[in-house]
Protein backbone atom coordinates (compact mmCIF):
# COMPACT_ATOMS: atom_id res chain seq x y z
CA UNK A 1 -1.04 14.98 24.55
CA UNK A 2 -0.25 16.89 21.52
CA UNK A 3 -0.52 15.67 18.73
CA UNK A 4 2.08 17.18 16.34
CA UNK A 5 3.05 15.81 12.67
CA UNK A 6 6.49 16.52 11.16
CA UNK A 7 5.86 17.67 7.53
CA UNK A 8 6.83 15.22 5.04
CA UNK A 9 10.26 16.68 3.24
CA UNK A 10 8.48 15.69 -0.32
CA UNK A 11 5.74 18.15 0.28
CA UNK A 12 8.46 21.03 1.53
CA UNK A 13 10.28 19.96 -1.77
CA UNK A 14 7.16 20.39 -3.80
CA UNK A 15 5.83 23.62 -1.84
CA UNK A 16 9.65 25.09 -2.55
CA UNK A 17 9.04 24.45 -6.57
CA UNK A 18 5.98 25.80 -6.74
CA UNK A 19 6.89 28.97 -4.56
CA UNK A 20 9.48 29.39 -6.46
CA UNK A 21 8.49 29.54 -9.57
CA UNK A 22 5.76 32.39 -8.47
CA UNK A 23 7.56 35.76 -9.61
CA UNK A 24 4.89 37.90 -7.31
CA UNK A 25 6.46 39.75 -4.74
CA UNK A 26 10.06 38.08 -5.57
CA UNK A 27 11.68 40.77 -4.04
CA UNK A 28 9.78 41.35 -0.95
CA UNK A 29 12.17 40.71 1.89
CA UNK A 30 8.97 39.71 4.14
CA UNK A 31 7.91 37.32 1.53
CA UNK A 32 10.67 34.56 1.59
CA UNK A 33 9.10 32.16 -1.31
CA UNK A 34 10.89 29.29 -0.16
CA UNK A 35 9.67 29.26 3.23
CA UNK A 36 6.73 26.14 3.96
CA UNK A 37 4.05 27.83 5.50
CA UNK A 38 0.04 27.29 6.23
CA UNK A 39 -1.02 29.16 2.90
CA UNK A 40 1.59 27.29 0.62
CA UNK A 41 0.94 23.91 1.62
CA UNK A 42 -2.14 23.23 0.10
CA UNK A 43 -4.59 20.34 0.26
CA UNK A 44 -3.53 18.53 -2.81
CA UNK A 45 -0.12 19.02 -1.73
CA UNK A 46 -0.28 17.01 1.33
CA UNK A 47 -2.80 14.08 -0.23
CA UNK A 48 -0.49 12.53 -2.32
CA UNK A 49 1.97 11.71 0.59
CA UNK A 50 -1.32 10.84 2.99
CA UNK A 51 -2.41 8.58 0.65
CA UNK A 52 1.39 6.90 0.16
CA UNK A 53 1.28 6.65 3.82
CA UNK A 54 -1.94 4.83 4.11
CA UNK A 55 -0.99 2.45 1.74
CA UNK A 56 2.30 1.59 3.60
CA UNK A 57 0.68 1.56 7.25
CA UNK A 58 0.03 -2.15 6.82
CA UNK A 59 2.91 -2.65 4.54
CA UNK A 60 5.05 -1.49 7.48
CA UNK A 61 6.77 -3.53 10.05
CA UNK A 62 4.73 -2.20 12.92
CA UNK A 63 1.81 -4.82 12.12
CA UNK A 64 4.37 -7.85 11.53
CA UNK A 65 3.47 -9.44 14.71
CA UNK A 66 0.45 -10.03 14.24
CA UNK A 67 1.26 -12.05 10.94
CA UNK A 68 3.44 -14.35 13.00
CA UNK A 69 0.62 -14.34 15.97
CA UNK A 70 -1.68 -15.73 13.34
CA UNK A 71 0.19 -18.44 11.91
CA UNK A 72 1.77 -16.48 8.87
CA UNK A 73 5.31 -15.79 9.19
CA UNK A 74 8.08 -16.76 11.72
CA UNK A 75 11.64 -16.32 11.86
CA UNK A 76 14.97 -17.79 10.05
CA UNK A 77 16.84 -19.74 12.54
CA UNK A 78 19.37 -17.24 11.83
CA UNK A 79 18.31 -14.55 14.56
CA UNK A 80 17.04 -15.44 18.38
CA UNK A 81 13.29 -15.57 18.43
CA UNK A 82 11.57 -12.21 20.22
CA UNK A 83 10.80 -13.21 23.54
CA UNK A 84 8.15 -10.49 23.90
CA UNK A 85 6.01 -11.38 20.63
CA UNK A 86 6.51 -15.22 21.13
CA UNK A 87 5.43 -14.93 25.06
CA UNK A 88 2.62 -12.59 24.20
CA UNK A 89 3.72 -10.78 27.47
CA UNK A 90 3.43 -7.77 25.95
CA UNK A 91 4.03 -4.19 27.85
CA UNK A 92 3.21 -0.52 26.94
CA UNK A 93 5.88 0.29 24.35
CA UNK A 94 4.60 -2.64 22.33
CA UNK A 95 2.07 -1.13 20.05
CA UNK A 96 3.75 2.45 20.67
CA UNK A 97 5.37 3.02 17.25
CA UNK A 98 2.02 1.67 16.10
CA UNK A 99 0.14 4.27 17.67
CA UNK A 100 2.22 7.04 16.76
CA UNK A 101 2.80 6.01 13.05
CA UNK A 102 -0.82 5.72 12.61
CA UNK A 103 -2.28 9.01 14.51
CA UNK A 104 0.78 10.73 12.15
CA UNK A 105 -1.25 9.53 8.80
CA UNK A 106 -4.48 10.52 10.29
CA UNK A 107 -3.66 14.06 11.05
CA UNK A 108 -2.08 14.51 7.45
CA UNK A 109 -5.47 13.35 6.44
CA UNK A 110 -7.22 15.25 8.55
CA UNK A 111 -5.20 18.56 7.40
CA UNK A 112 -6.14 17.82 3.98
CA UNK A 113 -9.90 17.59 4.81
CA UNK A 114 -9.42 20.97 6.37
CA UNK A 115 -8.24 22.61 4.01
CA UNK A 116 -9.76 21.06 1.01
CA UNK A 117 -13.35 22.33 2.62
CA UNK A 118 -11.96 25.73 3.16
CA UNK A 119 -11.38 25.67 -0.39
CA UNK A 120 -14.90 24.23 -1.50
CA UNK A 121 -12.93 20.91 -2.77
CA UNK A 122 -15.72 18.42 -1.12
CA UNK A 123 -14.36 15.49 -3.62
CA UNK A 124 -10.90 15.60 -2.34
CA UNK A 125 -12.21 16.27 1.03
CA UNK A 126 -14.06 12.99 0.81
CA UNK A 127 -11.29 11.16 -0.25
CA UNK A 128 -9.21 11.79 2.95
CA UNK A 129 -12.56 11.41 5.29
CA UNK A 130 -12.96 7.54 3.53
CA UNK A 131 -9.00 6.92 4.09
CA UNK A 132 -9.26 8.26 7.73
CA UNK A 133 -12.47 5.76 8.25
CA UNK A 134 -10.35 2.98 7.15
CA UNK A 135 -7.11 4.03 9.92
CA UNK A 136 -9.58 4.88 12.54
CA UNK A 137 -11.88 1.63 12.54
CA UNK A 138 -8.02 0.23 12.32
CA UNK A 139 -7.23 1.75 15.73
CA UNK A 140 -10.30 1.00 17.86
CA UNK A 141 -9.82 -3.12 16.51
CA UNK A 142 -6.45 -2.90 17.97
CA UNK A 143 -6.81 -0.47 21.10
CA UNK A 144 -10.60 0.02 21.69
CA UNK A 145 -10.95 3.48 23.12
CA UNK A 146 -9.12 6.37 21.53
CA UNK A 147 -8.74 10.14 21.31
CA UNK A 148 -11.02 10.85 18.45
CA UNK A 149 -13.43 14.16 18.36
CA UNK A 150 -10.36 16.04 20.27
CA UNK A 151 -7.36 14.43 18.48
CA UNK A 152 -6.11 16.81 16.39
CA UNK A 153 -7.65 20.31 18.00
CA UNK A 154 -4.23 21.22 19.18
CA UNK A 155 -5.19 24.73 20.27
CA UNK A 156 -8.19 24.02 22.31
CA UNK A 157 -7.33 20.26 23.06
CA UNK A 158 -3.33 19.69 24.10
CA UNK A 159 -4.33 16.29 25.85
CA UNK A 160 -7.48 15.21 23.71
CA UNK A 161 -9.94 12.92 26.14
CA UNK A 162 -11.05 9.14 24.94
CA UNK A 163 -13.87 8.48 22.96
CA UNK A 164 -16.17 5.15 23.63
CA UNK A 165 -15.09 2.44 20.61
CA UNK A 166 -18.77 2.14 19.77
CA UNK A 167 -19.38 5.97 19.73
CA UNK A 168 -16.31 6.28 16.86
CA UNK A 169 -18.02 3.26 15.12
CA UNK A 170 -20.74 5.08 14.52
CA UNK A 171 -19.32 8.59 13.76
CA UNK A 172 -17.21 6.32 11.63
CA UNK A 173 -20.33 5.55 9.17
CA UNK A 174 -21.60 8.54 9.27
CA UNK A 175 -18.60 10.44 8.58
CA UNK A 176 -18.38 7.83 5.31
CA UNK A 177 -22.10 8.90 4.66
CA UNK A 178 -20.88 12.34 4.32
CA UNK A 179 -17.36 11.45 1.56
CA UNK A 180 -20.26 9.57 -0.30
CA UNK A 181 -22.04 12.41 -0.45
CA UNK A 182 -19.34 14.77 -1.29
CA UNK A 183 -18.30 12.35 -4.02
CA UNK A 184 -21.36 13.11 -5.76
CA UNK A 185 -19.99 16.62 -6.29
CA UNK A 186 -17.95 18.17 -9.56
CA UNK A 187 -14.56 17.48 -8.66
CA UNK A 188 -11.36 20.26 -9.59
CA UNK A 189 -9.32 19.93 -12.80
CA UNK A 190 -6.87 18.68 -10.69
CA UNK A 191 -8.52 15.63 -8.93
CA UNK A 192 -7.55 13.41 -11.56
CA UNK A 193 -3.84 14.25 -11.27
CA UNK A 194 -3.75 14.21 -7.24
CA UNK A 195 -5.77 11.14 -6.67
CA UNK A 196 -2.96 8.70 -7.03
CA UNK A 197 -5.08 5.79 -5.48
CA UNK A 198 -8.33 5.53 -7.61
CA UNK A 199 -7.09 8.25 -10.43
CA UNK A 200 -10.31 10.31 -10.32
CA UNK A 201 -12.97 7.24 -10.51
CA UNK A 202 -15.40 9.03 -8.31
CA UNK A 203 -17.48 5.71 -8.16
CA UNK A 204 -14.89 3.50 -6.85
CA UNK A 205 -14.14 5.60 -4.21
CA UNK A 206 -17.58 5.27 -3.30
CA UNK A 207 -17.73 1.67 -3.71
CA UNK A 208 -14.73 1.49 -1.29
CA UNK A 209 -16.66 3.77 0.96
CA UNK A 210 -19.60 1.30 0.95
CA UNK A 211 -16.78 -1.59 1.97
CA UNK A 212 -15.82 0.05 4.60
CA UNK A 213 -19.47 0.87 5.86
CA UNK A 214 -19.95 -2.81 5.37
CA UNK A 215 -16.43 -3.85 6.99
CA UNK A 216 -17.38 -1.86 10.50
CA UNK A 217 -20.86 -4.01 10.53
CA UNK A 218 -19.66 -7.06 9.85
CA UNK A 219 -17.08 -6.52 12.72
CA UNK A 220 -20.17 -5.96 15.06
CA UNK A 221 -22.15 -8.83 13.65
CA UNK A 222 -21.68 -10.45 17.38
CA UNK A 223 -23.02 -8.29 19.34
CA UNK A 224 -26.29 -8.57 21.06
CA UNK A 225 -29.26 -6.70 19.23
CA UNK A 226 -27.13 -5.60 16.38
CA UNK A 227 -29.28 -4.32 13.32
CA UNK A 228 -27.32 -3.38 10.32
CA UNK A 229 -30.57 -2.92 8.26
CA UNK A 230 -30.45 0.98 7.87
CA UNK A 231 -26.73 0.80 6.78
CA UNK A 232 -26.81 -1.93 4.31
CA UNK A 233 -29.86 -0.44 3.00
CA UNK A 234 -27.55 2.84 2.33
CA UNK A 235 -24.94 0.74 0.74
CA UNK A 236 -27.04 -1.03 -1.66
CA UNK A 237 -28.80 1.97 -2.79
CA UNK A 238 -25.15 3.71 -3.16
CA UNK A 239 -23.91 1.23 -5.44
CA UNK A 240 -22.61 -1.85 -2.97
CA UNK A 241 -19.30 -2.76 -2.14
CA UNK A 242 -16.16 -3.39 -4.20
CA UNK A 243 -15.68 -6.19 -6.68
CA UNK A 244 -13.36 -8.59 -9.09
CA UNK A 245 -10.36 -6.41 -10.28
CA UNK A 246 -11.76 -3.33 -8.08
CA UNK A 247 -8.79 -3.13 -5.58
CA UNK A 248 -7.74 0.06 -4.04
CA UNK A 249 -4.66 0.89 -4.50
CA UNK A 250 -1.68 4.04 -4.55
CA UNK A 251 1.08 4.23 -6.77
CA UNK A 252 2.66 8.04 -6.78
CA UNK A 253 5.38 6.68 -8.94
CA UNK A 254 6.96 3.88 -7.08
CA UNK A 255 10.68 3.03 -8.72
CA UNK A 256 13.85 0.98 -7.76
CA UNK A 257 15.87 3.37 -6.14
CA UNK A 258 16.32 4.05 -2.36
CA UNK A 259 13.18 5.46 -0.51
CA UNK A 260 11.41 5.19 -3.49
CA UNK A 261 10.31 1.40 -3.58
CA UNK A 262 6.67 0.19 -3.53
CA UNK A 263 6.45 0.26 0.11
CA UNK A 264 5.95 -3.94 0.77
CA UNK A 265 8.44 -4.39 -1.43
CA UNK A 266 11.37 -2.39 0.02
CA UNK A 267 10.21 -4.04 3.66
CA UNK A 268 10.02 -7.51 2.29
CA UNK A 269 11.35 -7.75 -1.23
CA UNK A 270 15.01 -6.96 -2.20
CA UNK A 271 16.83 -3.16 -2.13
CA UNK A 272 17.75 -1.70 -4.76
CA UNK A 273 21.08 -3.42 -5.21
CA UNK A 274 19.62 -6.57 -5.14
CA UNK A 275 20.39 -7.86 -1.14
CA UNK A 276 17.21 -9.42 0.53
CA UNK A 277 15.65 -6.61 2.16
CA UNK A 278 14.31 -8.45 5.28
CA UNK A 279 16.60 -11.83 6.03
CA UNK A 280 14.90 -12.76 9.33
CA UNK A 281 11.20 -12.95 7.87
CA UNK A 282 9.85 -16.16 6.44
CA UNK A 283 6.99 -18.37 5.96
CA UNK A 284 5.17 -20.08 9.18
CA UNK A 285 5.21 -23.62 9.17
CA UNK A 286 1.93 -23.87 10.38
CA UNK A 287 0.21 -22.02 7.72
CA UNK A 288 3.04 -23.93 5.02
CA UNK A 289 1.84 -27.08 6.01
CA UNK A 290 -2.31 -26.02 5.71
CA UNK A 291 -1.51 -24.67 2.36
CA UNK A 292 0.01 -28.10 1.36
CA UNK A 293 -1.98 -30.38 2.94
CA UNK A 294 -5.17 -29.25 0.43
CA UNK A 295 -2.75 -28.57 -2.79
CA UNK A 296 -3.68 -25.01 -2.61
CA UNK A 297 -1.85 -23.15 -5.51
CA UNK A 298 -1.50 -20.26 -3.51
CA UNK A 299 1.15 -21.56 -1.54
CA UNK A 300 4.36 -20.51 -4.24
CA UNK A 301 2.70 -17.17 -4.39
CA UNK A 302 2.51 -16.53 -0.97
CA UNK A 303 6.16 -17.46 -0.35
CA UNK A 304 9.37 -18.52 -2.17
CA UNK A 305 11.63 -21.79 -2.57
CA UNK A 306 14.39 -21.24 0.06
CA UNK A 307 17.29 -20.07 -1.66
CA UNK A 308 19.57 -23.00 -0.91
CA UNK A 309 16.88 -25.14 -2.98
CA UNK A 310 13.74 -27.40 -1.69
CA UNK A 311 10.38 -27.22 -1.61
CA UNK A 312 8.85 -24.29 0.29
CA UNK A 313 9.58 -24.75 3.66
CA UNK A 314 8.04 -22.21 7.22
CA UNK A 315 9.84 -22.14 10.85
CA UNK A 316 7.84 -22.99 13.87
CA UNK A 317 6.74 -19.76 15.84
CA UNK A 318 8.57 -19.13 19.42
CA UNK A 319 11.35 -22.20 18.85
CA UNK A 320 14.03 -21.43 20.10
CA UNK A 321 17.01 -23.48 18.50
CA UNK A 322 16.12 -25.92 15.76
CA UNK A 323 14.62 -23.66 13.12
CA UNK A 324 15.95 -24.05 9.58
CA UNK A 325 18.16 -21.14 8.68
CA UNK A 326 17.49 -18.44 6.38
CA UNK A 327 18.81 -20.15 3.41
CA UNK A 328 16.86 -22.95 4.14
CA UNK A 329 13.53 -21.32 4.44
CA UNK A 330 11.24 -19.80 2.59
CA UNK A 331 11.13 -15.99 2.37
CA UNK A 332 7.78 -13.83 1.05
CA UNK A 333 6.37 -14.94 -2.04
CA UNK A 334 6.41 -12.93 -5.84
CA UNK A 335 2.68 -13.01 -5.54
CA UNK A 336 3.23 -10.30 -2.76
CA UNK A 337 6.24 -8.84 -3.78
CA UNK A 338 6.42 -8.81 -7.63
CA UNK A 339 8.16 -5.65 -8.02
CA UNK A 340 9.75 -2.29 -6.27
CA UNK A 341 7.34 -0.66 -8.65
CA UNK A 342 3.80 -2.35 -8.00
CA UNK A 343 0.98 -0.85 -6.55
CA UNK A 344 0.66 -0.89 -2.66
CA UNK A 345 -2.72 -2.02 -1.62
CA UNK A 346 -5.10 -0.42 0.72
CA UNK A 347 -7.89 -2.54 0.14
CA UNK A 348 -7.85 -5.80 -1.99
CA UNK A 349 -10.62 -6.81 -4.06
CA UNK A 350 -11.28 -10.13 -2.57
CA UNK A 351 -10.88 -8.71 0.63
CA UNK A 352 -14.36 -6.63 -0.01
CA UNK A 353 -15.69 -9.87 -1.89
CA UNK A 354 -15.38 -11.54 1.48
CA UNK A 355 -17.34 -8.98 3.66
CA UNK A 356 -19.98 -9.30 0.80
CA UNK A 357 -20.56 -13.27 1.46
CA UNK A 358 -20.66 -13.26 4.85
CA UNK A 359 -23.29 -10.71 4.91
CA UNK A 360 -25.11 -12.42 2.52
CA UNK A 361 -25.03 -15.62 4.46
CA UNK A 362 -25.97 -13.87 7.38
CA UNK A 363 -28.98 -12.70 5.13
CA UNK A 364 -28.43 -8.87 5.66
CA UNK A 365 -27.91 -8.32 1.31
CA UNK A 366 -29.72 -10.51 -1.13
CA UNK A 367 -27.73 -13.39 -3.02
CA UNK A 368 -26.35 -16.42 -3.39
CA UNK A 369 -23.96 -17.13 -0.23
CA UNK A 370 -22.36 -19.92 -2.26
CA UNK A 371 -21.58 -17.84 -5.66
CA UNK A 372 -20.05 -15.44 -3.51
CA UNK A 373 -17.96 -17.09 -1.36
CA UNK A 374 -16.51 -18.91 -4.42
CA UNK A 375 -15.94 -15.67 -6.06
CA UNK A 376 -14.05 -14.31 -3.29
CA UNK A 377 -12.13 -17.37 -2.75
CA UNK A 378 -11.30 -17.14 -6.85
CA UNK A 379 -10.31 -13.79 -7.11
CA UNK A 380 -7.72 -14.55 -4.60
CA UNK A 381 -5.92 -16.81 -6.48
CA UNK A 382 -6.53 -13.69 -9.22
CA UNK A 383 -5.06 -11.73 -7.10
CA UNK A 384 -2.27 -13.27 -6.32
CA UNK A 385 -1.02 -13.88 -10.01
CA UNK A 386 -1.75 -17.92 -9.52
CA UNK A 387 -1.30 -19.48 -12.84
CA UNK A 388 -4.56 -20.69 -14.63
CA UNK A 389 -5.91 -18.61 -11.59
CA UNK A 390 -9.41 -19.82 -12.60
CA UNK A 391 -9.28 -23.46 -12.95
CA UNK A 392 -6.77 -23.64 -9.61
CA UNK A 393 -9.36 -21.71 -7.74
CA UNK A 394 -12.17 -24.17 -9.11
CA UNK A 395 -9.66 -27.04 -8.39
CA UNK A 396 -9.61 -26.30 -5.16
CA UNK A 397 -12.94 -25.42 -4.09
CA UNK A 398 -14.36 -28.51 -5.17
CA UNK A 399 -11.63 -30.72 -3.76
CA UNK A 400 -10.31 -29.24 -0.44
CA UNK A 401 -12.85 -29.89 2.57
CA UNK A 402 -12.08 -26.63 4.14
CA UNK A 403 -12.91 -25.04 0.70
CA UNK A 404 -15.81 -26.99 -0.43
CA UNK A 405 -19.07 -24.86 0.30
CA UNK A 406 -21.20 -28.16 0.90
CA UNK A 407 -18.97 -28.79 4.41
CA UNK A 408 -19.99 -24.73 5.38
CA UNK A 409 -22.79 -26.04 7.52
CA UNK A 410 -26.38 -25.10 7.74
CA UNK A 411 -26.18 -22.16 10.77
CA UNK A 412 -25.47 -18.55 10.18
CA UNK A 413 -22.90 -19.00 12.26
CA UNK A 414 -20.97 -21.97 10.66
CA UNK A 415 -21.19 -20.77 7.17
CA UNK A 416 -19.66 -16.76 8.85
CA UNK A 417 -16.97 -19.23 9.90
CA UNK A 418 -16.45 -21.23 6.76
CA UNK A 419 -16.16 -17.94 4.83
CA UNK A 420 -13.74 -16.02 7.22
CA UNK A 421 -11.46 -19.16 7.52
CA UNK A 422 -11.31 -18.69 3.77
CA UNK A 423 -11.04 -15.29 4.33
CA UNK A 424 -7.86 -15.59 6.89
CA UNK A 425 -6.13 -18.47 4.39
CA UNK A 426 -6.39 -15.29 1.72
CA UNK A 427 -5.04 -12.71 3.81
CA UNK A 428 -1.72 -13.99 4.83
CA UNK A 429 0.82 -11.08 4.64
CA UNK A 430 -2.11 -8.73 3.07
CA UNK A 431 -4.13 -7.64 6.03
CA UNK A 432 -3.15 -9.40 9.09
CA UNK A 433 -5.10 -7.26 11.40
CA UNK A 434 -8.47 -8.26 9.53
CA UNK A 435 -7.61 -11.89 10.16
CA UNK A 436 -6.59 -11.05 14.00
CA UNK A 437 -9.72 -9.25 14.03
CA UNK A 438 -12.17 -12.09 12.59
CA UNK A 439 -10.50 -14.89 14.57
CA UNK A 440 -11.34 -12.70 17.63
CA UNK A 441 -15.40 -12.20 16.73
CA UNK A 442 -15.93 -15.67 15.40
CA UNK A 443 -12.30 -17.82 16.34
CA UNK A 444 -12.89 -19.70 12.76
CA UNK A 445 -9.46 -21.52 13.03
CA UNK A 446 -10.21 -25.22 13.77
CA UNK A 447 -7.01 -25.68 15.88
CA UNK A 448 -4.52 -23.88 17.91
CA UNK A 449 -1.50 -24.82 15.59
CA UNK A 450 -0.61 -21.24 15.40
CA UNK A 451 -0.29 -20.43 19.46
CA UNK A 452 4.11 -19.78 20.31
CA UNK A 453 5.33 -23.00 21.28
CA UNK A 454 8.02 -20.74 23.47
CA UNK A 455 7.38 -22.44 26.95
CA UNK A 456 8.05 -19.01 27.98
CA UNK A 457 4.55 -17.74 27.16
CA UNK A 458 2.22 -16.04 29.26
CA UNK A 459 -1.09 -17.60 27.80
CA UNK A 460 -2.50 -20.44 25.53
CA UNK A 461 -4.29 -18.09 23.93
CA UNK A 462 -3.52 -14.74 21.48
CA UNK A 463 -3.73 -11.25 23.48
CA UNK A 464 -7.29 -9.79 22.75
CA UNK A 465 -6.20 -6.13 22.03
CA UNK A 466 -2.71 -3.73 22.61
CA UNK A 467 -2.18 -2.00 25.79
CA UNK A 468 -2.27 1.65 25.12
CA UNK A 469 1.22 3.21 23.72
CA UNK A 470 3.73 4.09 26.28
CA UNK A 471 3.27 7.80 24.82
CA UNK A 472 -0.05 8.36 26.44
CA UNK A 473 1.07 7.64 29.98
CA UNK A 474 3.70 10.15 29.38
CA UNK A 475 2.32 13.35 27.68
CA UNK A 476 -1.59 12.79 28.25
CA UNK A 477 -1.65 10.42 31.37
CA UNK A 478 -4.59 11.58 33.06
CA UNK A 479 -6.90 10.11 29.92
CA UNK A 480 -4.98 7.36 29.45
CA UNK A 481 -5.27 6.26 32.99
CA UNK A 482 -9.12 7.43 32.68
CA UNK A 483 -9.67 4.03 30.95
CA UNK A 484 -8.71 1.88 33.92
CA UNK A 485 -6.61 -0.99 34.69
CA UNK A 486 -6.45 -2.76 30.62
CA UNK A 487 -5.81 -6.83 30.75
CA UNK A 488 -4.90 -7.71 27.27
CA UNK A 489 -6.31 -11.23 27.68
CA UNK A 490 -9.60 -10.04 29.03
CA UNK A 491 -10.12 -6.37 28.13
CA UNK A 492 -11.87 -7.26 25.18
CA UNK A 493 -12.75 -4.63 22.43
CA UNK A 494 -17.07 -3.61 22.28
CA UNK A 495 -17.37 -6.12 19.83
CA UNK A 496 -16.00 -9.02 20.43
CA UNK A 497 -18.02 -11.89 21.76
């Protein structure tokens, strides 16, 4: 398989602008100043687009099937249900676009790293490695073994082999160590401007890297004999993970214009002319009932009231007829689609804090698990913009049975499941892959109300992974087939119990 990435248009525009301003050799007919070449596409030109694209991944509709599978979203009654999605009868085509798009962004980040290192710009290379680690883990968490070490060495490997998923995890830990070391170097004077993620804050980049290291560890928590001690020590020594107010986001200058809106808003908010961008996606009745039954004030931030009036209303996932129409069901709410200029999240602060709370509960990190857990829940309320967020969070933590730490249980596993269930609630529409991964790791949702009601479904449980992309069987067939016969319900990712 040959991973060939199309150059993004605004990189071309930037390159043309910069090269056109250079007077040297302007009349040399053998040196076209307006031609995009290997030399004038620099790491500093590629990185902003790659960073934007990283944020756009979870905002894209490639991951929307997970929002429906785990109970966050459904479809309005105006549309026929998706038979593949609601029956879980997935094919090799099902994750094809997700696979290709993920590799496209990874290629940009790889190219940024290579070019940055060739120029001695270790800090920009480190930022690219950190973003890459996030995307690589997501690929592994969905597909297991994937092309990794040979993926972008196109001159040597036109059909890259597949690396073992556990080996990729180990490599990502090492890569993040390298990135942290790079982040201790002196940045170029242009880094703050080029860094549309953390705006030159190397300390925040290091905390983000530590957070990703912890996420890799937490994912392996149920692997027999797994010992996170060495890596946890590194995390603690390097300043720990992201905390309150330290969300990692990207914003190159989003505006209310075509192709310039913030990615999540563009997909689930309003178009530049004020029309609804997505008329089919609605709240899932299962999740609405869960929030309503616990008086969770985040409900009005996750979802909006129906345009025809009335309370927040969801639809039943997999119901072929009888769901409320679009005007009578709830679209995505203002906590997620506040404005076309909004920052696009890459990693929310509260998600990191839930990881830390679980690590403390497991005894990996010293601290007060109850305090860490309650801080994570509170940060979710703050992040979503709930009015009087801290007071409302305190009420929820005190009064909701599923949130009060007194009900967390006594064993490590019980506490881990309790924390992960609240993380699941906090992540609605924000990072469904993390919640799906937790569900496969801990099975922490206490009922199966999120399962499709489509009578044609092929299983009473969710698939445990995706099938490899059809494009792999077309262009990299030998290596894809070497992975054996993959069953989406039984071929588990290596970290699944």
